[in-house]
Amino acid sequence: MMIAKYADRLPLYRQEQVLGRASLATPHSTQASWVDVCGVQLQPRVDALREGVLERNVVYVDLHAGADARE
């Protein structure tokens, strides 16, 4: 669900429709709660990554957005 939401850019209401067609009815409000829980669980990792990056004197980035870039 998280990959579909963020990597595939599929909104929760659309995921609800897809799951409904597969007889896996899951309201997008329930999915939103799951997204919140994932965010809370992932926040310590995000904080650690941010801290590690900010400790560097130089940060290299790849400005190439890739083949899947959407403008």
C-alpha atoms as a PDB file:
ATOM      1  CA  MET A   1       0.000   0.000   0.000  1.00  0.00           C
ATOM      2  CA  MET A   2       2.806   2.436   0.852  1.00  0.00           C
ATOM      3  CA  ILE A   3       4.617   1.650  -2.391  1.00  0.00           C
ATOM      4  CA  ALA A   4       1.414   2.157  -4.354  1.00  0.00           C
ATOM      5  CA  LYS A   5       0.776   5.469  -2.576  1.00  0.00           C
ATOM      6  CA  TYR A   6       4.239   7.004  -2.824  1.00  0.00           C
ATOM      7  CA  ALA A   7       6.201   5.226  -5.567  1.00  0.00           C
ATOM      8  CA  ASP A   8       3.285   4.518  -7.905  1.00  0.00           C
ATOM      9  CA  ARG A   9       1.425   7.718  -6.920  1.00  0.00           C
ATOM     10  CA  LEU A  10      -1.866   5.870  -6.439  1.00  0.00           C
ATOM     11  CA  PRO A  11      -4.155   7.754  -4.037  1.00  0.00           C
ATOM     12  CA  LEU A  12      -5.808   5.871  -1.202  1.00  0.00           C
ATOM     13  CA  TYR A  13      -9.297   6.255  -2.660  1.00  0.00           C
ATOM     14  CA  ARG A  14      -8.080   4.556  -5.864  1.00  0.00           C
ATOM     15  CA  GLN A  15      -6.450   1.786  -3.847  1.00  0.00           C
ATOM     16  CA  GLU A  16      -9.787   1.348  -2.074  1.00  0.00           C
ATOM     17  CA  GLN A  17     -11.439   0.812  -5.472  1.00  0.00           C
ATOM     18  CA  VAL A  18      -8.778  -1.672  -6.583  1.00  0.00           C
ATOM     19  CA  LEU A  19      -9.015  -3.641  -3.341  1.00  0.00           C
ATOM     20  CA  GLY A  20     -12.807  -3.574  -3.542  1.00  0.00           C
ATOM     21  CA  ARG A  21     -12.700  -5.231  -6.972  1.00  0.00           C
ATOM     22  CA  ALA A  22     -10.577  -7.978  -5.392  1.00  0.00           C
ATOM     23  CA  SER A  23     -13.179  -8.423  -2.604  1.00  0.00           C
ATOM     24  CA  LEU A  24     -10.759  -6.890  -0.088  1.00  0.00           C
ATOM     25  CA  ALA A  25     -12.821  -3.870   0.891  1.00  0.00           C
ATOM     26  CA  THR A  26     -10.578  -1.525   2.863  1.00  0.00           C
ATOM     27  CA  PRO A  27     -11.866   2.027   3.365  1.00  0.00           C
ATOM     28  CA  HIS A  28      -9.332   4.719   2.563  1.00  0.00           C
ATOM     29  CA  SER A  29      -9.851   6.053   6.095  1.00  0.00           C
ATOM     30  CA  THR A  30      -8.441   2.751   7.404  1.00  0.00           C
ATOM     31  CA  GLN A  31      -5.606   2.977   4.909  1.00  0.00           C
ATOM     32  CA  ALA A  32      -4.889   6.535   6.083  1.00  0.00           C
ATOM     33  CA  SER A  33      -4.542   5.216   9.629  1.00  0.00           C
ATOM     34  CA  TRP A  34      -2.056   2.629   8.375  1.00  0.00           C
ATOM     35  CA  VAL A  35      -0.072   5.376   6.616  1.00  0.00           C
ATOM     36  CA  ASP A  36       0.045   7.306   9.910  1.00  0.00           C
ATOM     37  CA  VAL A  37       1.295   4.224  11.778  1.00  0.00           C
ATOM     38  CA  CYS A  38       3.980   3.633   9.146  1.00  0.00           C
ATOM     39  CA  GLY A  39       5.054   7.261   9.416  1.00  0.00           C
ATOM     40  CA  VAL A  40       5.459   6.974  13.175  1.00  0.00           C
ATOM     41  CA  GLN A  41       7.417   3.731  12.787  1.00  0.00           C
ATOM     42  CA  LEU A  42       9.693   5.153  10.084  1.00  0.00           C
ATOM     43  CA  GLN A  43      10.386   8.527  11.723  1.00  0.00           C
ATOM     44  CA  PRO A  44      13.388   7.316  13.797  1.00  0.00           C
ATOM     45  CA  ARG A  45      15.029   6.027  10.608  1.00  0.00           C
ATOM     46  CA  VAL A  46      14.344   9.307   8.813  1.00  0.00           C
ATOM     47  CA  ASP A  47      15.812  11.254  11.737  1.00  0.00           C
ATOM     48  CA  ALA A  48      18.942   9.063  11.787  1.00  0.00           C
ATOM     49  CA  LEU A  49      19.419   9.443   8.038  1.00  0.00           C
ATOM     50  CA  ARG A  50      18.978  13.214   8.257  1.00  0.00           C
ATOM     51  CA  GLU A  51      21.467  13.436  11.110  1.00  0.00           C
ATOM     52  CA  GLY A  52      23.991  11.369   9.168  1.00  0.00           C
ATOM     53  CA  VAL A  53      23.668  13.584   6.106  1.00  0.00           C
ATOM     54  CA  LEU A  54      23.949  16.804   8.115  1.00  0.00           C
ATOM     55  CA  GLU A  55      27.151  15.572   9.799  1.00  0.00           C
ATOM     56  CA  ARG A  56      28.922  15.544   6.433  1.00  0.00           C
ATOM     57  CA  ASN A  57      30.981  18.450   5.178  1.00  0.00           C
ATOM     58  CA  VAL A  58      29.943  17.700   1.610  1.00  0.00           C
ATOM     59  CA  VAL A  59      26.776  16.043   0.362  1.00  0.00           C
ATOM     60  CA  TYR A  60      26.683  14.659  -3.164  1.00  0.00           C
ATOM     61  CA  VAL A  61      23.329  14.450  -4.911  1.00  0.00           C
ATOM     62  CA  ASP A  62      22.152  13.038  -8.201  1.00  0.00           C
ATOM     63  CA  LEU A  63      20.025  15.655  -9.916  1.00  0.00           C
ATOM     64  CA  HIS A  64      18.944  13.177 -12.577  1.00  0.00           C
ATOM     65  CA  ALA A  65      15.330  12.348 -11.784  1.00  0.00           C
ATOM     66  CA  GLY A  66      15.329   9.110 -13.760  1.00  0.00           C
ATOM     67  CA  ALA A  67      13.103   7.723 -16.450  1.00  0.00           C
ATOM     68  CA  ASP A  68       9.982   7.758 -14.242  1.00  0.00           C
ATOM     69  CA  ALA A  69      10.181  11.468 -13.414  1.00  0.00           C
ATOM     70  CA  ARG A  70       6.874  13.287 -13.469  1.00  0.00           C
ATOM     71  CA  GLU A  71       6.821  17.025 -13.877  1.00  0.00           C
END
